[in-house]
Amino acid sequence: LARDGATIEVDAGEYLGDVAVWTQNDLTIRAVGGRAVLRAQRQAAEAKAIWVMRGGTITIEGFDFREAQVPDHNGAGIRLETGRLRVRDCRFIDNENGILTSNRADVELDIADSEFAHNGYGDGQSHNLYVGAIARLSVTGSYSHHAIVGHLLKSRAARNDIRYNRLADEPGGRASYELEFPNGGVAIVVGNVIAQEPTTENPNMVSYGAEGYRWPVNTLVLVHNTLVDRRGQGGVFLKVKPGDVRITAIDNLLVGPSTLQAAGPGDYRGNATTTDLDVFEPGSPESYRLRRSVRVNTTLADPGEYEGMSLAPRSQFRFPRGTEPLKGKANRPGAMQ
């Protein structure tokens, strides 16, 4: 019944086996009165996903996508095939993939204030968030944790903007990479908490170019991130495949035995390293703030701009989803001020 330009409001509640293919343009689909929970119940549109998006510009707000399973073990909460998709305040839990995209060069995906947890078939080929070779990905204020063997965020997109998220597998988590760009591209990574547990399936936390470079520009920028390696036995903060790559890493906080410089030549300034895991404020689970009594041996550097866009953080992650603005400039290394 929906036509281009429509707004569709869905009452809060549980919807069982209610799957769909969306082909319209300029749609807004939003839950009202609370969360709308879509439980797959072994149903899948086109044997792909709970929702398959094959339209133009579509915005989705306030939905939970749960328990998508298909015979090829690649079932997704959302399968994005064409168009531009905006996801706001959604959760993807217990699927084989949270969101899975096509490889179309004109597709764009924007995610904000969302959660990805316990997705993956367990084969290492399915992930909390799996983005193909699309034009652009942005992820902001989102929380990804407890992927089942796969990665917390994997993107083959030409351009990636990853800001103010928590990519932390949390106690007992078995994720592999926390953040991977297997084909390079432009990756702007600012103000994220990135953490791996001793139970990780892979010692590498951030991986870049592991499957070969396919894009004409390959630039990785890491600014004001907090990277925590709880594995403690040769964990790797950053793994970069040699090639025509530009690496910039400024004002990051590294907690663990490795260094960013181990990834290869680049611009490394203002980064602070400690092997003491007991450096954060105690108490609530959102705490990745340095205790005020901790002094780190670094002087912050000016991160500058990339293509006219400031790299200085303006916000920080707010647990469990969302962001909050910084009060003034960042004055300590890492994501949480």
C-alpha atoms as a PDB file:
ATOM      1  CA  LEU A   1       0.000   0.000   0.000  1.00  0.00           C
ATOM      2  CA  ALA A   2       2.910   2.377   0.563  1.00  0.00           C
ATOM      3  CA  ARG A   3       3.769   4.909  -2.126  1.00  0.00           C
ATOM      4  CA  ASP A   4       6.919   6.937  -2.657  1.00  0.00           C
ATOM      5  CA  GLY A   5       7.242   9.625   0.008  1.00  0.00           C
ATOM      6  CA  ALA A   6       5.082   7.837   2.592  1.00  0.00           C
ATOM      7  CA  THR A   7       5.631   7.704   6.354  1.00  0.00           C
ATOM      8  CA  ILE A   8       4.707   4.339   7.851  1.00  0.00           C
ATOM      9  CA  GLU A   9       4.108   4.131  11.595  1.00  0.00           C
ATOM     10  CA  VAL A  10       4.205   0.710  13.255  1.00  0.00           C
ATOM     11  CA  ASP A  11       2.697   0.152  16.700  1.00  0.00           C
ATOM     12  CA  ALA A  12       5.058  -1.139  19.375  1.00  0.00           C
ATOM     13  CA  GLY A  13       4.868  -4.886  19.968  1.00  0.00           C
ATOM     14  CA  GLU A  14       6.119  -8.221  18.632  1.00  0.00           C
ATOM     15  CA  TYR A  15       5.658  -9.235  14.999  1.00  0.00           C
ATOM     16  CA  LEU A  16       6.298 -12.916  14.296  1.00  0.00           C
ATOM     17  CA  GLY A  17       7.475 -14.103  10.892  1.00  0.00           C
ATOM     18  CA  ASP A  18       6.504 -10.756   9.349  1.00  0.00           C
ATOM     19  CA  VAL A  19       9.059 -10.336   6.531  1.00  0.00           C
ATOM     20  CA  ALA A  20       9.043  -7.918   3.616  1.00  0.00           C
ATOM     21  CA  VAL A  21      10.748  -6.517   0.504  1.00  0.00           C
ATOM     22  CA  TRP A  22      10.738  -2.706   0.280  1.00  0.00           C
ATOM     23  CA  THR A  23      11.016  -1.166  -3.216  1.00  0.00           C
ATOM     24  CA  GLN A  24       9.700   2.384  -2.732  1.00  0.00           C
ATOM     25  CA  ASN A  25      11.607   5.668  -2.581  1.00  0.00           C
ATOM     26  CA  ASP A  26      11.700   8.337   0.121  1.00  0.00           C
ATOM     27  CA  LEU A  27      10.066   6.194   2.804  1.00  0.00           C
ATOM     28  CA  THR A  28      10.192   6.658   6.563  1.00  0.00           C
ATOM     29  CA  ILE A  29       9.310   3.533   8.565  1.00  0.00           C
ATOM     30  CA  ARG A  30       9.191   4.120  12.303  1.00  0.00           C
ATOM     31  CA  ALA A  31       7.962   2.422  15.451  1.00  0.00           C
ATOM     32  CA  VAL A  32       5.581   4.402  17.667  1.00  0.00           C
ATOM     33  CA  GLY A  33       4.716   3.932  21.336  1.00  0.00           C
ATOM     34  CA  GLY A  34       7.814   1.831  22.028  1.00  0.00           C
ATOM     35  CA  ARG A  35       9.870  -0.713  20.130  1.00  0.00           C
ATOM     36  CA  ALA A  36       8.567  -2.829  17.261  1.00  0.00           C
ATOM     37  CA  VAL A  37      10.240  -6.238  17.545  1.00  0.00           C
ATOM     38  CA  LEU A  38      10.470  -8.336  14.376  1.00  0.00           C
ATOM     39  CA  ARG A  39      11.141 -11.994  15.206  1.00  0.00           C
ATOM     40  CA  ALA A  40      11.924 -14.005  12.093  1.00  0.00           C
ATOM     41  CA  GLN A  41      10.416 -17.316  13.310  1.00  0.00           C
ATOM     42  CA  ARG A  42      12.347 -19.061  10.476  1.00  0.00           C
ATOM     43  CA  GLN A  43      10.762 -16.822   7.844  1.00  0.00           C
ATOM     44  CA  ALA A  44      12.842 -14.724   5.432  1.00  0.00           C
ATOM     45  CA  ALA A  45      12.019 -12.500   2.472  1.00  0.00           C
ATOM     46  CA  GLU A  46      13.498 -14.115  -0.653  1.00  0.00           C
ATOM     47  CA  ALA A  47      15.439 -16.463   1.655  1.00  0.00           C
ATOM     48  CA  LYS A  48      17.669 -13.478   2.529  1.00  0.00           C
ATOM     49  CA  ALA A  49      16.491 -11.382   5.459  1.00  0.00           C
ATOM     50  CA  ILE A  50      13.666 -10.150   7.639  1.00  0.00           C
ATOM     51  CA  TRP A  51      13.589  -7.023   5.481  1.00  0.00           C
ATOM     52  CA  VAL A  52      15.152  -6.717   2.018  1.00  0.00           C
ATOM     53  CA  MET A  53      15.700  -3.089   0.947  1.00  0.00           C
ATOM     54  CA  ARG A  54      15.606  -2.604  -2.816  1.00  0.00           C
ATOM     55  CA  GLY A  55      14.292   0.918  -3.168  1.00  0.00           C
ATOM     56  CA  GLY A  56      15.620   4.462  -3.106  1.00  0.00           C
ATOM     57  CA  THR A  57      16.126   6.488   0.071  1.00  0.00           C
ATOM     58  CA  ILE A  58      14.575   4.781   3.117  1.00  0.00           C
ATOM     59  CA  THR A  59      14.777   5.623   6.825  1.00  0.00           C
ATOM     60  CA  ILE A  60      14.069   3.021   9.538  1.00  0.00           C
ATOM     61  CA  GLU A  61      13.649   4.005  13.192  1.00  0.00           C
ATOM     62  CA  GLY A  62      12.947   2.107  16.400  1.00  0.00           C
ATOM     63  CA  PHE A  63      12.908  -1.552  15.288  1.00  0.00           C
ATOM     64  CA  ASP A  64      14.496  -4.704  16.694  1.00  0.00           C
ATOM     65  CA  PHE A  65      15.487  -7.342  14.110  1.00  0.00           C
ATOM     66  CA  ARG A  66      15.924 -10.745  15.688  1.00  0.00           C
ATOM     67  CA  GLU A  67      16.736 -14.380  14.874  1.00  0.00           C
ATOM     68  CA  ALA A  68      17.077 -14.286  11.071  1.00  0.00           C
ATOM     69  CA  GLN A  69      18.186 -17.681   9.727  1.00  0.00           C
ATOM     70  CA  VAL A  70      18.269 -18.999   6.149  1.00  0.00           C
ATOM     71  CA  PRO A  71      19.509 -22.248   4.546  1.00  0.00           C
ATOM     72  CA  ASP A  72      22.836 -20.747   3.376  1.00  0.00           C
ATOM     73  CA  HIS A  73      23.518 -19.414   6.912  1.00  0.00           C
ATOM     74  CA  ASN A  74      23.671 -15.827   5.665  1.00  0.00           C
ATOM     75  CA  GLY A  75      20.338 -14.580   6.970  1.00  0.00           C
ATOM     76  CA  ALA A  76      20.257 -10.909   7.928  1.00  0.00           C
ATOM     77  CA  GLY A  77      18.088  -8.624   9.950  1.00  0.00           C
ATOM     78  CA  ILE A  78      18.300  -6.277   6.958  1.00  0.00           C
ATOM     79  CA  ARG A  79      19.699  -7.015   3.493  1.00  0.00           C
ATOM     80  CA  LEU A  80      20.474  -3.743   1.714  1.00  0.00           C
ATOM     81  CA  GLU A  81      20.626  -4.256  -2.059  1.00  0.00           C
ATOM     82  CA  THR A  82      20.008  -0.850  -3.672  1.00  0.00           C
ATOM     83  CA  GLY A  83      19.513   2.761  -2.672  1.00  0.00           C
ATOM     84  CA  ARG A  84      20.384   4.722   0.432  1.00  0.00           C
ATOM     85  CA  LEU A  85      19.386   3.375   3.832  1.00  0.00           C
ATOM     86  CA  ARG A  86      19.320   5.311   7.092  1.00  0.00           C
ATOM     87  CA  VAL A  87      19.036   3.201  10.273  1.00  0.00           C
ATOM     88  CA  ARG A  88      18.263   5.007  13.536  1.00  0.00           C
ATOM     89  CA  ASP A  89      17.768   3.571  17.022  1.00  0.00           C
ATOM     90  CA  CYS A  90      17.527  -0.038  15.836  1.00  0.00           C
ATOM     91  CA  ARG A  91      18.829  -3.291  17.327  1.00  0.00           C
ATOM     92  CA  PHE A  92      20.075  -6.401  15.514  1.00  0.00           C
ATOM     93  CA  ILE A  93      20.301  -9.410  17.800  1.00  0.00           C
ATOM     94  CA  ASP A  94      20.730 -13.182  17.304  1.00  0.00           C
ATOM     95  CA  ASN A  95      20.763 -13.058  13.482  1.00  0.00           C
ATOM     96  CA  GLU A  96      23.258 -14.740  11.170  1.00  0.00           C
ATOM     97  CA  ASN A  97      24.200 -11.206  10.027  1.00  0.00           C
ATOM     98  CA  GLY A  98      22.967  -8.011  11.605  1.00  0.00           C
ATOM     99  CA  ILE A  99      22.977  -5.941   8.404  1.00  0.00           C
ATOM    100  CA  LEU A 100      24.371  -7.334   5.142  1.00  0.00           C
ATOM    101  CA  THR A 101      24.751  -5.218   1.992  1.00  0.00           C
ATOM    102  CA  SER A 102      25.291  -5.821  -1.702  1.00  0.00           C
ATOM    103  CA  ASN A 103      28.421  -4.788  -3.606  1.00  0.00           C
ATOM    104  CA  ARG A 104      26.741  -2.090  -5.713  1.00  0.00           C
ATOM    105  CA  ALA A 105      28.904   0.988  -6.132  1.00  0.00           C
ATOM    106  CA  ASP A 106      25.971   3.411  -5.725  1.00  0.00           C
ATOM    107  CA  VAL A 107      24.649   2.116  -2.373  1.00  0.00           C
ATOM    108  CA  GLU A 108      24.980   4.195   0.807  1.00  0.00           C
ATOM    109  CA  LEU A 109      24.362   3.155   4.417  1.00  0.00           C
ATOM    110  CA  ASP A 110      24.068   5.451   7.443  1.00  0.00           C
ATOM    111  CA  ILE A 111      23.693   3.931  10.934  1.00  0.00           C
ATOM    112  CA  ALA A 112      23.175   5.897  14.135  1.00  0.00           C
ATOM    113  CA  ASP A 113      22.414   5.045  17.772  1.00  0.00           C
ATOM    114  CA  SER A 114      21.954   1.328  17.080  1.00  0.00           C
ATOM    115  CA  GLU A 115      23.077  -1.951  18.634  1.00  0.00           C
ATOM    116  CA  PHE A 116      24.492  -5.152  17.105  1.00  0.00           C
ATOM    117  CA  ALA A 117      24.881  -8.214  19.339  1.00  0.00           C
ATOM    118  CA  HIS A 118      25.176 -12.006  19.129  1.00  0.00           C
ATOM    119  CA  ASN A 119      24.988 -12.099  15.337  1.00  0.00           C
ATOM    120  CA  GLY A 120      26.858 -14.723  13.316  1.00  0.00           C
ATOM    121  CA  TYR A 121      26.404 -18.323  12.284  1.00  0.00           C
ATOM    122  CA  GLY A 122      29.731 -19.256  13.884  1.00  0.00           C
ATOM    123  CA  ASP A 123      31.610 -19.892  10.630  1.00  0.00           C
ATOM    124  CA  GLY A 124      33.628 -16.671  10.687  1.00  0.00           C
ATOM    125  CA  GLN A 125      31.930 -15.579   7.433  1.00  0.00           C
ATOM    126  CA  SER A 126      28.949 -13.821   9.024  1.00  0.00           C
ATOM    127  CA  HIS A 127      29.187 -10.753  11.211  1.00  0.00           C
ATOM    128  CA  ASN A 128      27.424  -8.222  13.417  1.00  0.00           C
ATOM    129  CA  LEU A 129      27.663  -5.742  10.532  1.00  0.00           C
ATOM    130  CA  TYR A 130      28.903  -6.777   7.070  1.00  0.00           C
ATOM    131  CA  VAL A 131      29.145  -4.049   4.431  1.00  0.00           C
ATOM    132  CA  GLY A 132      30.079  -4.892   0.861  1.00  0.00           C
ATOM    133  CA  ALA A 133      31.845  -2.817  -1.794  1.00  0.00           C
ATOM    134  CA  ILE A 134      29.378   0.073  -1.661  1.00  0.00           C
ATOM    135  CA  ALA A 135      29.984   3.790  -2.075  1.00  0.00           C
ATOM    136  CA  ARG A 136      29.780   4.922   1.531  1.00  0.00           C
ATOM    137  CA  LEU A 137      29.235   3.793   5.123  1.00  0.00           C
ATOM    138  CA  SER A 138      28.806   5.901   8.242  1.00  0.00           C
ATOM    139  CA  VAL A 139      28.308   4.521  11.752  1.00  0.00           C
ATOM    140  CA  THR A 140      27.808   6.850  14.730  1.00  0.00           C
ATOM    141  CA  GLY A 141      26.835   6.361  18.370  1.00  0.00           C
ATOM    142  CA  SER A 142      26.375   2.608  17.989  1.00  0.00           C
ATOM    143  CA  TYR A 143      27.310  -0.397  20.120  1.00  0.00           C
ATOM    144  CA  SER A 144      28.587  -3.662  18.633  1.00  0.00           C
ATOM    145  CA  HIS A 145      29.486  -6.587  20.869  1.00  0.00           C
ATOM    146  CA  HIS A 146      29.496 -10.380  21.244  1.00  0.00           C
ATOM    147  CA  ALA A 147      29.671 -11.315  17.560  1.00  0.00           C
ATOM    148  CA  ILE A 148      29.681 -15.093  17.196  1.00  0.00           C
ATOM    149  CA  VAL A 149      33.203 -15.754  15.815  1.00  0.00           C
ATOM    150  CA  GLY A 150      32.754 -13.118  13.085  1.00  0.00           C
ATOM    151  CA  HIS A 151      33.693  -9.439  13.220  1.00  0.00           C
ATOM    152  CA  LEU A 152      32.010  -6.600  15.065  1.00  0.00           C
ATOM    153  CA  LEU A 153      32.186  -4.379  11.975  1.00  0.00           C
ATOM    154  CA  LYS A 154      33.466  -5.370   8.538  1.00  0.00           C
ATOM    155  CA  SER A 155      33.311  -2.949   5.628  1.00  0.00           C
ATOM    156  CA  ARG A 156      34.495  -3.079   2.014  1.00  0.00           C
ATOM    157  CA  ALA A 157      33.051   0.377   1.279  1.00  0.00           C
ATOM    158  CA  ALA A 158      35.020   2.955  -0.693  1.00  0.00           C
ATOM    159  CA  ARG A 159      34.499   5.552   2.059  1.00  0.00           C
ATOM    160  CA  ASN A 160      33.908   4.894   5.746  1.00  0.00           C
ATOM    161  CA  ASP A 161      33.164   7.324   8.562  1.00  0.00           C
ATOM    162  CA  ILE A 162      33.202   5.523  11.924  1.00  0.00           C
ATOM    163  CA  ARG A 163      32.720   7.938  14.849  1.00  0.00           C
ATOM    164  CA  TYR A 164      31.870   7.762  18.547  1.00  0.00           C
ATOM    165  CA  ASN A 165      30.983   4.059  18.725  1.00  0.00           C
ATOM    166  CA  ARG A 166      31.710   1.256  21.156  1.00  0.00           C
ATOM    167  CA  LEU A 167      33.152  -1.736  19.291  1.00  0.00           C
ATOM    168  CA  ALA A 168      33.952  -3.855  22.316  1.00  0.00           C
ATOM    169  CA  ASP A 169      33.309  -7.569  22.492  1.00  0.00           C
ATOM    170  CA  GLU A 170      32.785  -7.494  26.270  1.00  0.00           C
ATOM    171  CA  PRO A 171      33.416 -10.344  28.777  1.00  0.00           C
ATOM    172  CA  GLY A 172      33.132 -13.800  27.237  1.00  0.00           C
ATOM    173  CA  GLY A 173      33.004 -12.419  23.699  1.00  0.00           C
ATOM    174  CA  ARG A 174      34.444 -14.508  20.842  1.00  0.00           C
ATOM    175  CA  ALA A 175      34.547 -11.980  18.004  1.00  0.00           C
ATOM    176  CA  SER A 176      37.464 -11.979  15.580  1.00  0.00           C
ATOM    177  CA  TYR A 177      38.361  -8.451  14.409  1.00  0.00           C
ATOM    178  CA  GLU A 178      36.652  -5.577  16.142  1.00  0.00           C
ATOM    179  CA  LEU A 179      36.961  -3.414  13.020  1.00  0.00           C
ATOM    180  CA  GLU A 180      38.010  -4.521   9.536  1.00  0.00           C
ATOM    181  CA  PHE A 181      38.427  -2.795   6.189  1.00  0.00           C
ATOM    182  CA  PRO A 182      39.573  -5.795   4.112  1.00  0.00           C
ATOM    183  CA  ASN A 183      39.868  -3.889   0.806  1.00  0.00           C
ATOM    184  CA  GLY A 184      41.185  -0.575   2.090  1.00  0.00           C
ATOM    185  CA  GLY A 185      39.454   2.595   0.915  1.00  0.00           C
ATOM    186  CA  VAL A 186      39.091   5.776   2.946  1.00  0.00           C
ATOM    187  CA  ALA A 187      38.450   5.002   6.627  1.00  0.00           C
ATOM    188  CA  ILE A 188      38.006   7.896   9.063  1.00  0.00           C
ATOM    189  CA  VAL A 189      37.871   6.383  12.572  1.00  0.00           C
ATOM    190  CA  VAL A 190      37.386   8.999  15.311  1.00  0.00           C
ATOM    191  CA  GLY A 191      36.422   8.769  18.970  1.00  0.00           C
ATOM    192  CA  ASN A 192      35.657   5.054  19.225  1.00  0.00           C
ATOM    193  CA  VAL A 193      36.169   2.580  22.066  1.00  0.00           C
ATOM    194  CA  ILE A 194      37.642  -0.563  20.490  1.00  0.00           C
ATOM    195  CA  ALA A 195      38.316  -3.479  22.839  1.00  0.00           C
ATOM    196  CA  GLN A 196      38.987  -7.203  22.636  1.00  0.00           C
ATOM    197  CA  GLU A 197      38.673  -9.875  25.304  1.00  0.00           C
ATOM    198  CA  PRO A 198      40.990 -12.791  26.216  1.00  0.00           C
ATOM    199  CA  THR A 199      38.435 -15.112  24.547  1.00  0.00           C
ATOM    200  CA  THR A 200      38.811 -13.453  21.123  1.00  0.00           C
ATOM    201  CA  GLU A 201      39.072 -15.650  18.022  1.00  0.00           C
ATOM    202  CA  ASN A 202      41.800 -13.430  16.517  1.00  0.00           C
ATOM    203  CA  PRO A 203      44.547 -11.273  18.072  1.00  0.00           C
ATOM    204  CA  ASN A 204      44.101  -8.435  15.518  1.00  0.00           C
ATOM    205  CA  MET A 205      41.758  -5.640  16.612  1.00  0.00           C
ATOM    206  CA  VAL A 206      41.753  -3.270  13.619  1.00  0.00           C
ATOM    207  CA  SER A 207      42.622  -4.780  10.243  1.00  0.00           C
ATOM    208  CA  TYR A 208      43.142  -2.894   6.990  1.00  0.00           C
ATOM    209  CA  GLY A 209      43.722  -4.266   3.483  1.00  0.00           C
ATOM    210  CA  ALA A 210      44.019  -7.932   4.479  1.00  0.00           C
ATOM    211  CA  GLU A 211      42.211  -9.134   1.325  1.00  0.00           C
ATOM    212  CA  GLY A 212      43.900  -6.751  -1.114  1.00  0.00           C
ATOM    213  CA  TYR A 213      43.349  -3.132  -2.134  1.00  0.00           C
ATOM    214  CA  ARG A 214      40.550  -2.436  -4.641  1.00  0.00           C
ATOM    215  CA  TRP A 215      40.031   1.339  -4.287  1.00  0.00           C
ATOM    216  CA  PRO A 216      42.114   4.130  -5.897  1.00  0.00           C
ATOM    217  CA  VAL A 217      42.568   5.904  -2.536  1.00  0.00           C
ATOM    218  CA  ASN A 218      43.613   3.944   0.547  1.00  0.00           C
ATOM    219  CA  THR A 219      43.775   6.129   3.650  1.00  0.00           C
ATOM    220  CA  LEU A 220      43.318   5.078   7.265  1.00  0.00           C
ATOM    221  CA  VAL A 221      42.870   7.827   9.881  1.00  0.00           C
ATOM    222  CA  LEU A 222      42.694   6.926  13.591  1.00  0.00           C
ATOM    223  CA  VAL A 223      42.075   9.892  15.909  1.00  0.00           C
ATOM    224  CA  HIS A 224      41.186   9.918  19.631  1.00  0.00           C
ATOM    225  CA  ASN A 225      40.240   6.248  19.841  1.00  0.00           C
ATOM    226  CA  THR A 226      40.641   4.089  22.952  1.00  0.00           C
ATOM    227  CA  LEU A 227      42.023   0.655  22.054  1.00  0.00           C
ATOM    228  CA  VAL A 228      42.072  -1.954  24.811  1.00  0.00           C
ATOM    229  CA  ASP A 229      43.723  -5.347  24.374  1.00  0.00           C
ATOM    230  CA  ARG A 230      42.746  -7.660  27.211  1.00  0.00           C
ATOM    231  CA  ARG A 231      44.195 -10.679  25.433  1.00  0.00           C
ATOM    232  CA  GLY A 232      47.606  -9.794  26.800  1.00  0.00           C
ATOM    233  CA  GLN A 233      49.545 -12.331  24.697  1.00  0.00           C
ATOM    234  CA  GLY A 234      50.725 -10.638  21.561  1.00  0.00           C
ATOM    235  CA  GLY A 235      47.500  -8.896  20.642  1.00  0.00           C
ATOM    236  CA  VAL A 236      47.727  -6.508  17.671  1.00  0.00           C
ATOM    237  CA  PHE A 237      46.117  -3.067  17.806  1.00  0.00           C
ATOM    238  CA  LEU A 238      46.455  -2.416  14.068  1.00  0.00           C
ATOM    239  CA  LYS A 239      47.338  -4.791  11.210  1.00  0.00           C
ATOM    240  CA  VAL A 240      47.918  -3.196   7.798  1.00  0.00           C
ATOM    241  CA  LYS A 241      48.814  -5.035   4.605  1.00  0.00           C
ATOM    242  CA  PRO A 242      51.780  -3.358   2.892  1.00  0.00           C
ATOM    243  CA  GLY A 243      50.863  -1.283  -0.136  1.00  0.00           C
ATOM    244  CA  ASP A 244      50.175   2.254  -1.309  1.00  0.00           C
ATOM    245  CA  VAL A 245      48.557   3.208   2.000  1.00  0.00           C
ATOM    246  CA  ARG A 246      48.545   6.375   4.068  1.00  0.00           C
ATOM    247  CA  ILE A 247      48.233   5.820   7.833  1.00  0.00           C
ATOM    248  CA  THR A 248      47.538   8.654  10.266  1.00  0.00           C
ATOM    249  CA  ALA A 249      47.177   7.883  13.988  1.00  0.00           C
ATOM    250  CA  ILE A 250      46.859  10.817  16.402  1.00  0.00           C
ATOM    251  CA  ASP A 251      45.921  11.160  20.103  1.00  0.00           C
ATOM    252  CA  ASN A 252      44.827   7.550  20.584  1.00  0.00           C
ATOM    253  CA  LEU A 253      44.965   5.762  23.942  1.00  0.00           C
ATOM    254  CA  LEU A 254      46.427   2.252  23.733  1.00  0.00           C
ATOM    255  CA  VAL A 255      45.960  -0.105  26.656  1.00  0.00           C
ATOM    256  CA  GLY A 256      47.996  -3.254  26.143  1.00  0.00           C
ATOM    257  CA  PRO A 257      51.465  -4.438  25.141  1.00  0.00           C
ATOM    258  CA  SER A 258      51.555  -3.456  21.438  1.00  0.00           C
ATOM    259  CA  THR A 259      51.939  -0.157  19.526  1.00  0.00           C
ATOM    260  CA  LEU A 260      50.267   1.344  16.475  1.00  0.00           C
ATOM    261  CA  GLN A 261      53.632   1.907  14.809  1.00  0.00           C
ATOM    262  CA  ALA A 262      53.968  -1.843  14.386  1.00  0.00           C
ATOM    263  CA  ALA A 263      51.495  -1.523  11.486  1.00  0.00           C
ATOM    264  CA  GLY A 264      54.081   0.228   9.308  1.00  0.00           C
ATOM    265  CA  PRO A 265      55.151   3.730   8.209  1.00  0.00           C
ATOM    266  CA  GLY A 266      52.754   6.580   8.894  1.00  0.00           C
ATOM    267  CA  ASP A 267      52.045   9.789  10.776  1.00  0.00           C
ATOM    268  CA  TYR A 268      51.942   8.847  14.480  1.00  0.00           C
ATOM    269  CA  ARG A 269      51.592  11.697  16.976  1.00  0.00           C
ATOM    270  CA  GLY A 270      50.216  12.230  20.465  1.00  0.00           C
ATOM    271  CA  ASN A 271      49.420   8.572  21.117  1.00  0.00           C
ATOM    272  CA  ALA A 272      49.654   7.271  24.690  1.00  0.00           C
ATOM    273  CA  THR A 273      50.428   3.667  25.630  1.00  0.00           C
ATOM    274  CA  THR A 274      50.080   1.798  28.919  1.00  0.00           C
ATOM    275  CA  THR A 275      50.149  -1.875  29.780  1.00  0.00           C
ATOM    276  CA  ASP A 276      48.123  -1.305  32.949  1.00  0.00           C
ATOM    277  CA  LEU A 277      44.541  -2.464  32.377  1.00  0.00           C
ATOM    278  CA  ASP A 278      43.461  -0.858  35.645  1.00  0.00           C
ATOM    279  CA  VAL A 279      43.511   2.702  34.331  1.00  0.00           C
ATOM    280  CA  PHE A 280      39.794   3.340  33.866  1.00  0.00           C
ATOM    281  CA  GLU A 281      37.214   4.656  36.281  1.00  0.00           C
ATOM    282  CA  PRO A 282      35.572   1.754  38.160  1.00  0.00           C
ATOM    283  CA  GLY A 283      31.893   1.024  38.384  1.00  0.00           C
ATOM    284  CA  SER A 284      29.337   1.227  35.620  1.00  0.00           C
ATOM    285  CA  PRO A 285      29.866  -0.658  32.341  1.00  0.00           C
ATOM    286  CA  GLU A 286      30.092   2.515  30.266  1.00  0.00           C
ATOM    287  CA  SER A 287      33.365   3.528  31.894  1.00  0.00           C
ATOM    288  CA  TYR A 288      36.284   3.765  29.522  1.00  0.00           C
ATOM    289  CA  ARG A 289      37.370   7.087  30.989  1.00  0.00           C
ATOM    290  CA  LEU A 290      40.845   7.362  32.409  1.00  0.00           C
ATOM    291  CA  ARG A 291      40.923   7.779  36.159  1.00  0.00           C
ATOM    292  CA  ARG A 292      41.886  11.345  36.967  1.00  0.00           C
ATOM    293  CA  SER A 293      44.849  10.113  38.979  1.00  0.00           C
ATOM    294  CA  VAL A 294      46.340   8.425  35.892  1.00  0.00           C
ATOM    295  CA  ARG A 295      48.992  10.416  34.083  1.00  0.00           C
ATOM    296  CA  VAL A 296      49.873   9.404  30.555  1.00  0.00           C
ATOM    297  CA  ASN A 297      53.169  10.314  28.966  1.00  0.00           C
ATOM    298  CA  THR A 298      52.046  12.225  25.898  1.00  0.00           C
ATOM    299  CA  THR A 299      51.297  15.689  24.593  1.00  0.00           C
ATOM    300  CA  LEU A 300      48.199  15.894  22.441  1.00  0.00           C
ATOM    301  CA  ALA A 301      48.713  16.807  18.805  1.00  0.00           C
ATOM    302  CA  ASP A 302      46.419  18.775  16.518  1.00  0.00           C
ATOM    303  CA  PRO A 303      44.673  16.155  14.332  1.00  0.00           C
ATOM    304  CA  GLY A 304      43.941  18.729  11.633  1.00  0.00           C
ATOM    305  CA  GLU A 305      41.508  18.043   8.796  1.00  0.00           C
ATOM    306  CA  TYR A 306      40.780  15.513   6.100  1.00  0.00           C
ATOM    307  CA  GLU A 307      39.409  16.952   2.859  1.00  0.00           C
ATOM    308  CA  GLY A 308      38.315  20.085   4.714  1.00  0.00           C
ATOM    309  CA  MET A 309      36.568  18.153   7.514  1.00  0.00           C
ATOM    310  CA  SER A 310      37.894  18.580  11.049  1.00  0.00           C
ATOM    311  CA  LEU A 311      39.202  15.407  12.671  1.00  0.00           C
ATOM    312  CA  ALA A 312      38.921  16.769  16.214  1.00  0.00           C
ATOM    313  CA  PRO A 313      36.217  14.914  18.176  1.00  0.00           C
ATOM    314  CA  ARG A 314      33.059  16.901  18.885  1.00  0.00           C
ATOM    315  CA  SER A 315      31.167  14.193  20.774  1.00  0.00           C
ATOM    316  CA  GLN A 316      31.701  10.909  22.618  1.00  0.00           C
ATOM    317  CA  PHE A 317      29.812   7.644  22.928  1.00  0.00           C
ATOM    318  CA  ARG A 318      26.991   7.501  25.477  1.00  0.00           C
ATOM    319  CA  PHE A 319      26.236   4.018  26.848  1.00  0.00           C
ATOM    320  CA  PRO A 320      24.347   1.954  25.734  1.00  0.00           C
ATOM    321  CA  ARG A 321      23.627   3.801  22.446  1.00  0.00           C
ATOM    322  CA  GLY A 322      24.008   7.359  21.292  1.00  0.00           C
ATOM    323  CA  THR A 323      26.405  10.270  21.706  1.00  0.00           C
ATOM    324  CA  GLU A 324      26.835  13.310  23.890  1.00  0.00           C
ATOM    325  CA  PRO A 325      28.629  16.530  22.928  1.00  0.00           C
ATOM    326  CA  LEU A 326      32.023  17.282  24.396  1.00  0.00           C
ATOM    327  CA  LYS A 327      32.294  20.310  26.625  1.00  0.00           C
ATOM    328  CA  GLY A 328      35.121  22.081  24.888  1.00  0.00           C
ATOM    329  CA  LYS A 329      38.105  20.445  23.235  1.00  0.00           C
ATOM    330  CA  ALA A 330      39.348  16.959  24.025  1.00  0.00           C
ATOM    331  CA  ASN A 331      42.109  17.306  26.627  1.00  0.00           C
ATOM    332  CA  ARG A 332      43.142  13.659  27.114  1.00  0.00           C
ATOM    333  CA  PRO A 333      44.055  10.939  24.629  1.00  0.00           C
ATOM    334  CA  GLY A 334      41.410   8.405  23.688  1.00  0.00           C
ATOM    335  CA  ALA A 335      37.678   8.450  23.054  1.00  0.00           C
ATOM    336  CA  MET A 336      36.252   9.268  26.496  1.00  0.00           C
ATOM    337  CA  GLN A 337      36.981  12.624  28.063  1.00  0.00           C
END
